[in-house]
Amino acid sequence: KELLPTPLRSHYTFNLRDLSKVFQGVLMVKPKHLPDSDSFVRLWCHESSRVFRDRLINEDDRQWFNGAILEQLHGALKLTSR
């Protein structure tokens, strides 16, 4: 399943501006507030959720997003859940 735009979900069009908002949010945090890699990962998850998940209109789509984030954490980043 992908989050493609439909007539009910016309705002599901994501672009590089949205991705840049994630980076802006991450870069606004001072390094002293990120003492370890876990803090950075939590910040990345928070900013990604703030930019993308908050725009989703139903619980199924939000659950899909949660799964996609976990897949990236476990697959690409090789992190485990706590």
Protein backbone atom coordinates (compact mmCIF):
# COMPACT_ATOMS: atom_id res chain seq x y z
CA LYS A 1 0.00 0.00 0.00
CA GLU A 2 1.16 3.49 -0.78
CA LEU A 3 -0.28 6.83 0.19
CA LEU A 4 -1.29 7.98 -3.25
CA PRO A 5 -3.52 11.03 -3.66
CA THR A 6 -7.21 10.33 -4.28
CA PRO A 7 -10.20 12.68 -4.42
CA LEU A 8 -10.61 12.19 -0.65
CA ARG A 9 -6.89 12.50 -0.05
CA SER A 10 -5.82 15.19 -2.47
CA HIS A 11 -3.43 16.60 0.14
CA TYR A 12 -1.45 13.33 0.11
CA THR A 13 0.95 14.88 -2.39
CA PHE A 14 4.36 14.98 -0.73
CA ASN A 15 7.42 16.64 -2.22
CA LEU A 16 10.96 17.75 -1.45
CA ARG A 17 9.67 20.77 0.47
CA ASP A 18 8.11 18.36 2.98
CA LEU A 19 11.38 16.47 3.28
CA SER A 20 13.24 19.73 3.82
CA LYS A 21 10.90 20.49 6.75
CA VAL A 22 12.12 17.30 8.42
CA PHE A 23 15.73 18.40 7.97
CA GLN A 24 14.94 21.93 9.19
CA GLY A 25 13.40 20.53 12.34
CA VAL A 26 16.39 18.29 12.98
CA LEU A 27 18.88 21.09 12.33
CA MET A 28 17.12 23.46 14.74
CA VAL A 29 18.12 21.29 17.71
CA LYS A 30 21.40 22.18 19.37
CA PRO A 31 23.92 19.30 19.56
CA LYS A 32 24.01 19.48 23.36
CA HIS A 33 20.39 18.28 23.37
CA LEU A 34 21.31 15.14 21.40
CA PRO A 35 23.75 13.30 23.66
CA ASP A 36 23.54 9.98 21.82
CA SER A 37 22.33 8.34 18.63
CA ASP A 38 19.07 7.23 20.27
CA SER A 39 18.16 10.87 20.88
CA PHE A 40 18.82 11.67 17.24
CA VAL A 41 16.67 8.75 16.06
CA ARG A 42 13.81 9.87 18.33
CA LEU A 43 14.13 13.40 16.92
CA TRP A 44 14.08 12.08 13.35
CA CYS A 45 10.95 10.00 14.09
CA HIS A 46 9.28 12.98 15.73
CA GLU A 47 10.02 15.37 12.86
CA SER A 48 8.97 12.80 10.25
CA SER A 49 5.72 12.26 12.11
CA ARG A 50 5.17 15.99 12.50
CA VAL A 51 5.59 16.62 8.78
CA PHE A 52 4.03 13.52 7.25
CA ARG A 53 1.91 11.58 9.77
CA ASP A 54 0.02 14.65 10.98
CA ARG A 55 -1.41 15.11 7.47
CA LEU A 56 -2.93 11.61 7.31
CA ILE A 57 -6.70 11.50 7.66
CA ASN A 58 -7.48 8.05 9.05
CA GLU A 59 -6.09 5.49 11.45
CA ASP A 60 -5.26 2.95 8.72
CA ASP A 61 -2.98 5.46 7.00
CA ARG A 62 -1.37 6.44 10.32
CA GLN A 63 -0.74 2.77 11.12
CA TRP A 64 0.80 2.33 7.67
CA PHE A 65 3.11 5.27 8.38
CA ASN A 66 4.09 3.84 11.78
CA GLY A 67 4.97 0.56 10.07
CA ALA A 68 7.00 2.34 7.40
CA ILE A 69 9.01 4.20 10.07
CA LEU A 70 9.65 0.94 11.96
CA GLU A 71 10.68 -0.77 8.73
CA GLN A 72 13.26 1.96 8.10
CA LEU A 73 14.53 1.78 11.67
CA HIS A 74 14.92 -1.99 11.57
CA GLY A 75 15.94 -2.42 7.94
CA ALA A 76 17.99 0.52 6.71
CA LEU A 77 19.26 1.74 10.08
CA LYS A 78 19.62 -1.72 11.71
CA LEU A 79 18.07 -0.52 14.97
CA THR A 80 15.94 -2.60 17.32
CA SER A 81 12.84 -1.58 19.24
CA ARG A 82 12.96 -1.07 22.95
